[in-house]
Structures are given as C-alpha cells and as structure tokens.
Amino acid sequence: MNHPEIIKLQKFLQQKFGNRNIDVRPRNKQNDSVEVYLGEEFLGLIYVDDEDGDRSYNFQMAILDVDLDEIH
C-alpha cells in the first residue's frame, strides 16, 4: 500500500469510529498490509485484497479473553 492509500484508510477509521487517535502505519517488509494503533496500543492489521480486480480491505483485530476481564 502506498502513503496516500494509508492516509485514506486512517481518515476512514478515524471518521467511522469518531476517534482522531487512530493511527495507520506501514509494516516493515510488508506491502499487502498495515498496522492499526489507538495511541500506542496495537489494535490489529488491515490487509488489502486485489482479487478479481476489485480492491477491498480486511481489518483483523484479535481480542484476548484477558482484555474482556477488564469490562464490567
């Protein structure tokens, strides 16, 4: 993914979730995905899919059971 595409993804997520602290960062040696952070906390990855000429993005976020323990 190129820089303008990463910025568009970041702005989309910031608007969709109403949080300007969402940061989308390129990955080292990977051009098919980017990392998503909330401040300095890693949230997940966005993968690009170019199958059949239709470009789409898949956001993958893991939620650990210990993270759910903090929710009341």
PDB file of N, CA and C in Angstrom:
ATOM      1  N   MET A   1       0.846  -1.177   0.000  1.00  0.00           N
ATOM      2  CA  MET A   1       0.000   0.000   0.000  1.00  0.00           C
ATOM      3  C   MET A   1       0.888   1.236   0.000  1.00  0.00           C
ATOM      4  N   ASN A   2       0.459   2.236  -0.722  1.00  0.00           N
ATOM      5  CA  ASN A   2       1.245   3.467  -0.786  1.00  0.00           C
ATOM      6  C   ASN A   2       0.767   4.458   0.283  1.00  0.00           C
ATOM      7  N   HIS A   3       1.542   5.522   0.448  1.00  0.00           N
ATOM      8  CA  HIS A   3       1.262   6.503   1.506  1.00  0.00           C
ATOM      9  C   HIS A   3      -0.132   7.135   1.384  1.00  0.00           C
ATOM     10  N   PRO A   4      -0.561   7.613   0.200  1.00  0.00           N
ATOM     11  CA  PRO A   4      -1.903   8.202   0.108  1.00  0.00           C
ATOM     12  C   PRO A   4      -3.015   7.215   0.485  1.00  0.00           C
ATOM     13  N   GLU A   5      -2.826   5.953   0.142  1.00  0.00           N
ATOM     14  CA  GLU A   5      -3.816   4.930   0.483  1.00  0.00           C
ATOM     15  C   GLU A   5      -3.870   4.707   1.996  1.00  0.00           C
ATOM     16  N   ILE A   6      -2.714   4.705   2.641  1.00  0.00           N
ATOM     17  CA  ILE A   6      -2.649   4.543   4.097  1.00  0.00           C
ATOM     18  C   ILE A   6      -3.338   5.712   4.794  1.00  0.00           C
ATOM     19  N   ILE A   7      -3.113   6.921   4.307  1.00  0.00           N
ATOM     20  CA  ILE A   7      -3.758   8.106   4.893  1.00  0.00           C
ATOM     21  C   ILE A   7      -5.279   8.032   4.729  1.00  0.00           C
ATOM     22  N   LYS A   8      -5.751   7.572   3.571  1.00  0.00           N
ATOM     23  CA  LYS A   8      -7.200   7.425   3.360  1.00  0.00           C
ATOM     24  C   LYS A   8      -7.794   6.417   4.331  1.00  0.00           C
ATOM     25  N   LEU A   9      -7.109   5.289   4.523  1.00  0.00           N
ATOM     26  CA  LEU A   9      -7.589   4.291   5.477  1.00  0.00           C
ATOM     27  C   LEU A   9      -7.635   4.862   6.885  1.00  0.00           C
ATOM     28  N   GLN A  10      -6.601   5.608   7.269  1.00  0.00           N
ATOM     29  CA  GLN A  10      -6.566   6.219   8.589  1.00  0.00           C
ATOM     30  C   GLN A  10      -7.720   7.195   8.772  1.00  0.00           C
ATOM     31  N   LYS A  11      -7.944   8.063   7.804  1.00  0.00           N
ATOM     32  CA  LYS A  11      -9.044   9.038   7.900  1.00  0.00           C
ATOM     33  C   LYS A  11     -10.394   8.328   7.947  1.00  0.00           C
ATOM     34  N   PHE A  12     -10.542   7.258   7.172  1.00  0.00           N
ATOM     35  CA  PHE A  12     -11.792   6.496   7.194  1.00  0.00           C
ATOM     36  C   PHE A  12     -12.061   5.947   8.588  1.00  0.00           C
ATOM     37  N   LEU A  13     -11.053   5.285   9.187  1.00  0.00           N
ATOM     38  CA  LEU A  13     -11.230   4.710  10.521  1.00  0.00           C
ATOM     39  C   LEU A  13     -11.476   5.788  11.575  1.00  0.00           C
ATOM     40  N   GLN A  14     -10.763   6.901  11.482  1.00  0.00           N
ATOM     41  CA  GLN A  14     -10.965   7.997  12.431  1.00  0.00           C
ATOM     42  C   GLN A  14     -12.393   8.520  12.360  1.00  0.00           C
ATOM     43  N   GLN A  15     -12.912   8.681  11.148  1.00  0.00           N
ATOM     44  CA  GLN A  15     -14.287   9.168  10.992  1.00  0.00           C
ATOM     45  C   GLN A  15     -15.305   8.121  11.420  1.00  0.00           C
ATOM     46  N   LYS A  16     -15.097   6.879  11.022  1.00  0.00           N
ATOM     47  CA  LYS A  16     -16.044   5.800  11.320  1.00  0.00           C
ATOM     48  C   LYS A  16     -16.188   5.570  12.823  1.00  0.00           C
ATOM     49  N   PHE A  17     -15.062   5.638  13.548  1.00  0.00           N
ATOM     50  CA  PHE A  17     -15.091   5.374  14.983  1.00  0.00           C
ATOM     51  C   PHE A  17     -15.053   6.643  15.826  1.00  0.00           C
ATOM     52  N   GLY A  18     -15.037   7.812  15.183  1.00  0.00           N
ATOM     53  CA  GLY A  18     -15.067   9.075  15.907  1.00  0.00           C
ATOM     54  C   GLY A  18     -13.881   9.253  16.838  1.00  0.00           C
ATOM     55  N   ASN A  19     -12.698   8.848  16.371  1.00  0.00           N
ATOM     56  CA  ASN A  19     -11.519   8.928  17.232  1.00  0.00           C
ATOM     57  C   ASN A  19     -10.301   9.314  16.393  1.00  0.00           C
ATOM     58  N   ARG A  20      -9.807  10.505  16.605  1.00  0.00           N
ATOM     59  CA  ARG A  20      -8.665  11.017  15.841  1.00  0.00           C
ATOM     60  C   ARG A  20      -7.335  10.420  16.294  1.00  0.00           C
ATOM     61  N   ASN A  21      -7.354   9.605  17.355  1.00  0.00           N
ATOM     62  CA  ASN A  21      -6.130   8.974  17.845  1.00  0.00           C
ATOM     63  C   ASN A  21      -5.807   7.669  17.122  1.00  0.00           C
ATOM     64  N   ILE A  22      -6.648   7.258  16.192  1.00  0.00           N
ATOM     65  CA  ILE A  22      -6.367   6.054  15.409  1.00  0.00           C
ATOM     66  C   ILE A  22      -5.266   6.376  14.413  1.00  0.00           C
ATOM     67  N   ASP A  23      -4.244   5.521  14.400  1.00  0.00           N
ATOM     68  CA  ASP A  23      -3.077   5.730  13.550  1.00  0.00           C
ATOM     69  C   ASP A  23      -2.847   4.472  12.711  1.00  0.00           C
ATOM     70  N   VAL A  24      -2.721   4.630  11.412  1.00  0.00           N
ATOM     71  CA  VAL A  24      -2.444   3.518  10.498  1.00  0.00           C
ATOM     72  C   VAL A  24      -1.002   3.650  10.041  1.00  0.00           C
ATOM     73  N   ARG A  25      -0.226   2.584  10.259  1.00  0.00           N
ATOM     74  CA  ARG A  25       1.213   2.634   9.997  1.00  0.00           C
ATOM     75  C   ARG A  25       1.629   1.515   9.038  1.00  0.00           C
ATOM     76  N   PRO A  26       2.573   1.815   8.145  1.00  0.00           N
ATOM     77  CA  PRO A  26       3.083   0.754   7.268  1.00  0.00           C
ATOM     78  C   PRO A  26       3.842  -0.288   8.076  1.00  0.00           C
ATOM     79  N   ARG A  27       3.901  -1.507   7.529  1.00  0.00           N
ATOM     80  CA  ARG A  27       4.657  -2.592   8.167  1.00  0.00           C
ATOM     81  C   ARG A  27       6.002  -2.741   7.490  1.00  0.00           C
ATOM     82  N   ASN A  28       7.002  -3.146   8.260  1.00  0.00           N
ATOM     83  CA  ASN A  28       8.321  -3.409   7.698  1.00  0.00           C
ATOM     84  C   ASN A  28       8.264  -4.609   6.755  1.00  0.00           C
ATOM     85  N   LYS A  29       8.761  -4.436   5.559  1.00  0.00           N
ATOM     86  CA  LYS A  29       8.897  -5.506   4.568  1.00  0.00           C
ATOM     87  C   LYS A  29       7.575  -6.133   4.148  1.00  0.00           C
ATOM     88  N   GLN A  30       6.451  -5.491   4.421  1.00  0.00           N
ATOM     89  CA  GLN A  30       5.134  -5.978   4.008  1.00  0.00           C
ATOM     90  C   GLN A  30       4.421  -4.865   3.271  1.00  0.00           C
ATOM     91  N   ASN A  31       3.990  -5.118   2.059  1.00  0.00           N
ATOM     92  CA  ASN A  31       3.265  -4.072   1.336  1.00  0.00           C
ATOM     93  C   ASN A  31       1.803  -4.446   1.101  1.00  0.00           C
ATOM     94  N   ASP A  32       1.366  -5.598   1.640  1.00  0.00           N
ATOM     95  CA  ASP A  32      -0.023  -6.006   1.478  1.00  0.00           C
ATOM     96  C   ASP A  32      -0.859  -5.753   2.726  1.00  0.00           C
ATOM     97  N   SER A  33      -0.252  -5.123   3.744  1.00  0.00           N
ATOM     98  CA  SER A  33      -0.977  -4.875   4.980  1.00  0.00           C
ATOM     99  C   SER A  33      -0.353  -3.710   5.745  1.00  0.00           C
ATOM    100  N   VAL A  34      -1.140  -3.154   6.668  1.00  0.00           N
ATOM    101  CA  VAL A  34      -0.703  -2.065   7.540  1.00  0.00           C
ATOM    102  C   VAL A  34      -1.138  -2.378   8.969  1.00  0.00           C
ATOM    103  N   GLU A  35      -0.514  -1.709   9.929  1.00  0.00           N
ATOM    104  CA  GLU A  35      -0.857  -1.871  11.340  1.00  0.00           C
ATOM    105  C   GLU A  35      -1.771  -0.736  11.783  1.00  0.00           C
ATOM    106  N   VAL A  36      -2.696  -1.045  12.681  1.00  0.00           N
ATOM    107  CA  VAL A  36      -3.626  -0.047  13.209  1.00  0.00           C
ATOM    108  C   VAL A  36      -3.372   0.097  14.709  1.00  0.00           C
ATOM    109  N   TYR A  37      -3.217   1.336  15.148  1.00  0.00           N
ATOM    110  CA  TYR A  37      -2.958   1.649  16.560  1.00  0.00           C
ATOM    111  C   TYR A  37      -3.986   2.645  17.070  1.00  0.00           C
ATOM    112  N   LEU A  38      -4.259   2.567  18.361  1.00  0.00           N
ATOM    113  CA  LEU A  38      -5.008   3.593  19.077  1.00  0.00           C
ATOM    114  C   LEU A  38      -4.027   4.167  20.079  1.00  0.00           C
ATOM    115  N   GLY A  39      -3.496   5.342  19.764  1.00  0.00           N
ATOM    116  CA  GLY A  39      -2.373   5.864  20.524  1.00  0.00           C
ATOM    117  C   GLY A  39      -1.186   4.946  20.288  1.00  0.00           C
ATOM    118  N   GLU A  40      -0.655   4.370  21.342  1.00  0.00           N
ATOM    119  CA  GLU A  40       0.457   3.419  21.203  1.00  0.00           C
ATOM    120  C   GLU A  40       0.016   1.966  21.350  1.00  0.00           C
ATOM    121  N   GLU A  41      -1.307   1.747  21.509  1.00  0.00           N
ATOM    122  CA  GLU A  41      -1.815   0.385  21.664  1.00  0.00           C
ATOM    123  C   GLU A  41      -2.122  -0.225  20.299  1.00  0.00           C
ATOM    124  N   PHE A  42      -1.504  -1.353  20.011  1.00  0.00           N
ATOM    125  CA  PHE A  42      -1.742  -2.061  18.761  1.00  0.00           C
ATOM    126  C   PHE A  42      -3.148  -2.648  18.765  1.00  0.00           C
ATOM    127  N   LEU A  43      -3.918  -2.356  17.700  1.00  0.00           N
ATOM    128  CA  LEU A  43      -5.280  -2.884  17.596  1.00  0.00           C
ATOM    129  C   LEU A  43      -5.385  -4.063  16.639  1.00  0.00           C
ATOM    130  N   GLY A  44      -4.708  -3.967  15.498  1.00  0.00           N
ATOM    131  CA  GLY A  44      -4.851  -5.030  14.518  1.00  0.00           C
ATOM    132  C   GLY A  44      -4.180  -4.687  13.204  1.00  0.00           C
ATOM    133  N   LEU A  45      -4.549  -5.452  12.173  1.00  0.00           N
ATOM    134  CA  LEU A  45      -3.973  -5.294  10.844  1.00  0.00           C
ATOM    135  C   LEU A  45      -5.065  -5.089   9.814  1.00  0.00           C
ATOM    136  N   ILE A  46      -4.740  -4.330   8.780  1.00  0.00           N
ATOM    137  CA  ILE A  46      -5.613  -4.206   7.613  1.00  0.00           C
ATOM    138  C   ILE A  46      -4.861  -4.827   6.441  1.00  0.00           C
ATOM    139  N   TYR A  47      -5.505  -5.801   5.802  1.00  0.00           N
ATOM    140  CA  TYR A  47      -4.942  -6.459   4.625  1.00  0.00           C
ATOM    141  C   TYR A  47      -5.667  -5.964   3.384  1.00  0.00           C
ATOM    142  N   VAL A  48      -4.929  -5.772   2.299  1.00  0.00           N
ATOM    143  CA  VAL A  48      -5.539  -5.381   1.035  1.00  0.00           C
ATOM    144  C   VAL A  48      -5.795  -6.645   0.215  1.00  0.00           C
ATOM    145  N   ASP A  49      -6.925  -6.669  -0.482  1.00  0.00           N
ATOM    146  CA  ASP A  49      -7.303  -7.797  -1.335  1.00  0.00           C
ATOM    147  C   ASP A  49      -7.608  -7.259  -2.728  1.00  0.00           C
ATOM    148  N   ASP A  50      -6.813  -7.678  -3.691  1.00  0.00           N
ATOM    149  CA  ASP A  50      -6.981  -7.231  -5.085  1.00  0.00           C
ATOM    150  C   ASP A  50      -7.587  -8.308  -5.979  1.00  0.00           C
ATOM    151  N   GLU A  51      -8.215  -9.278  -5.401  1.00  0.00           N
ATOM    152  CA  GLU A  51      -8.739 -10.402  -6.170  1.00  0.00           C
ATOM    153  C   GLU A  51      -9.782  -9.952  -7.193  1.00  0.00           C
ATOM    154  N   ASP A  52      -9.644 -10.459  -8.381  1.00  0.00           N
ATOM    155  CA  ASP A  52     -10.580 -10.183  -9.487  1.00  0.00           C
ATOM    156  C   ASP A  52     -10.690  -8.705  -9.828  1.00  0.00           C
ATOM    157  N   GLY A  53      -9.666  -7.923  -9.536  1.00  0.00           N
ATOM    158  CA  GLY A  53      -9.668  -6.514  -9.892  1.00  0.00           C
ATOM    159  C   GLY A  53     -10.478  -5.629  -8.971  1.00  0.00           C
ATOM    160  N   ASP A  54     -11.164  -6.212  -8.001  1.00  0.00           N
ATOM    161  CA  ASP A  54     -11.925  -5.432  -7.017  1.00  0.00           C
ATOM    162  C   ASP A  54     -11.061  -5.272  -5.774  1.00  0.00           C
ATOM    163  N   ARG A  55     -10.691  -4.046  -5.460  1.00  0.00           N
ATOM    164  CA  ARG A  55      -9.828  -3.789  -4.304  1.00  0.00           C
ATOM    165  C   ARG A  55     -10.691  -3.615  -3.058  1.00  0.00           C
ATOM    166  N   SER A  56     -10.350  -4.368  -2.019  1.00  0.00           N
ATOM    167  CA  SER A  56     -11.053  -4.242  -0.746  1.00  0.00           C
ATOM    168  C   SER A  56     -10.033  -4.372   0.386  1.00  0.00           C
ATOM    169  N   TYR A  57     -10.475  -4.054   1.589  1.00  0.00           N
ATOM    170  CA  TYR A  57      -9.598  -4.058   2.749  1.00  0.00           C
ATOM    171  C   TYR A  57     -10.263  -4.862   3.854  1.00  0.00           C
ATOM    172  N   ASN A  58      -9.475  -5.695   4.515  1.00  0.00           N
ATOM    173  CA  ASN A  58      -9.977  -6.532   5.605  1.00  0.00           C
ATOM    174  C   ASN A  58      -9.255  -6.149   6.891  1.00  0.00           C
ATOM    175  N   PHE A  59     -10.030  -5.700   7.884  1.00  0.00           N
ATOM    176  CA  PHE A  59      -9.482  -5.305   9.175  1.00  0.00           C
ATOM    177  C   PHE A  59      -9.575  -6.500  10.111  1.00  0.00           C
ATOM    178  N   GLN A  60      -8.433  -6.944  10.632  1.00  0.00           N
ATOM    179  CA  GLN A  60      -8.374  -8.084  11.531  1.00  0.00           C
ATOM    180  C   GLN A  60      -7.902  -7.616  12.902  1.00  0.00           C
ATOM    181  N   MET A  61      -8.744  -7.876  13.907  1.00  0.00           N
ATOM    182  CA  MET A  61      -8.440  -7.451  15.269  1.00  0.00           C
ATOM    183  C   MET A  61      -8.664  -8.635  16.212  1.00  0.00           C
ATOM    184  N   ALA A  62      -7.642  -8.984  16.956  1.00  0.00           N
ATOM    185  CA  ALA A  62      -7.769 -10.057  17.943  1.00  0.00           C
ATOM    186  C   ALA A  62      -8.152  -9.448  19.288  1.00  0.00           C
ATOM    187  N   ILE A  63      -9.085 -10.101  19.978  1.00  0.00           N
ATOM    188  CA  ILE A  63      -9.486  -9.666  21.317  1.00  0.00           C
ATOM    189  C   ILE A  63      -9.188 -10.825  22.266  1.00  0.00           C
ATOM    190  N   LEU A  64      -8.284 -10.583  23.201  1.00  0.00           N
ATOM    191  CA  LEU A  64      -7.906 -11.616  24.156  1.00  0.00           C
ATOM    192  C   LEU A  64      -8.930 -11.717  25.280  1.00  0.00           C
ATOM    193  N   ASP A  65      -9.116 -12.912  25.804  1.00  0.00           N
ATOM    194  CA  ASP A  65     -10.076 -13.081  26.889  1.00  0.00           C
ATOM    195  C   ASP A  65      -9.693 -12.273  28.126  1.00  0.00           C
ATOM    196  N   VAL A  66      -8.393 -12.048  28.347  1.00  0.00           N
ATOM    197  CA  VAL A  66      -7.972 -11.243  29.495  1.00  0.00           C
ATOM    198  C   VAL A  66      -8.383  -9.786  29.323  1.00  0.00           C
ATOM    199  N   ASP A  67      -8.496  -9.327  28.060  1.00  0.00           N
ATOM    200  CA  ASP A  67      -8.976  -7.962  27.804  1.00  0.00           C
ATOM    201  C   ASP A  67     -10.450  -7.841  28.209  1.00  0.00           C
ATOM    202  N   LEU A  68     -11.205  -8.891  28.024  1.00  0.00           N
ATOM    203  CA  LEU A  68     -12.622  -8.867  28.382  1.00  0.00           C
ATOM    204  C   LEU A  68     -12.819  -8.872  29.900  1.00  0.00           C
ATOM    205  N   ASP A  69     -11.846  -9.386  30.640  1.00  0.00           N
ATOM    206  CA  ASP A  69     -11.937  -9.405  32.100  1.00  0.00           C
ATOM    207  C   ASP A  69     -12.001  -7.998  32.675  1.00  0.00           C
ATOM    208  N   GLU A  70     -11.460  -7.022  31.940  1.00  0.00           N
ATOM    209  CA  GLU A  70     -11.447  -5.633  32.407  1.00  0.00           C
ATOM    210  C   GLU A  70     -12.785  -4.944  32.210  1.00  0.00           C
ATOM    211  N   ILE A  71     -13.705  -5.573  31.480  1.00  0.00           N
ATOM    212  CA  ILE A  71     -15.018  -4.988  31.172  1.00  0.00           C
ATOM    213  C   ILE A  71     -16.023  -5.414  32.249  1.00  0.00           C
ATOM    214  N   HIS A  72     -16.772  -4.444  32.761  1.00  0.00           N
ATOM    215  CA  HIS A  72     -17.755  -4.729  33.803  1.00  0.00           C
ATOM    216  C   HIS A  72     -19.149  -4.621  33.242  1.00  0.00           C
TER     217      HIS A  72
END
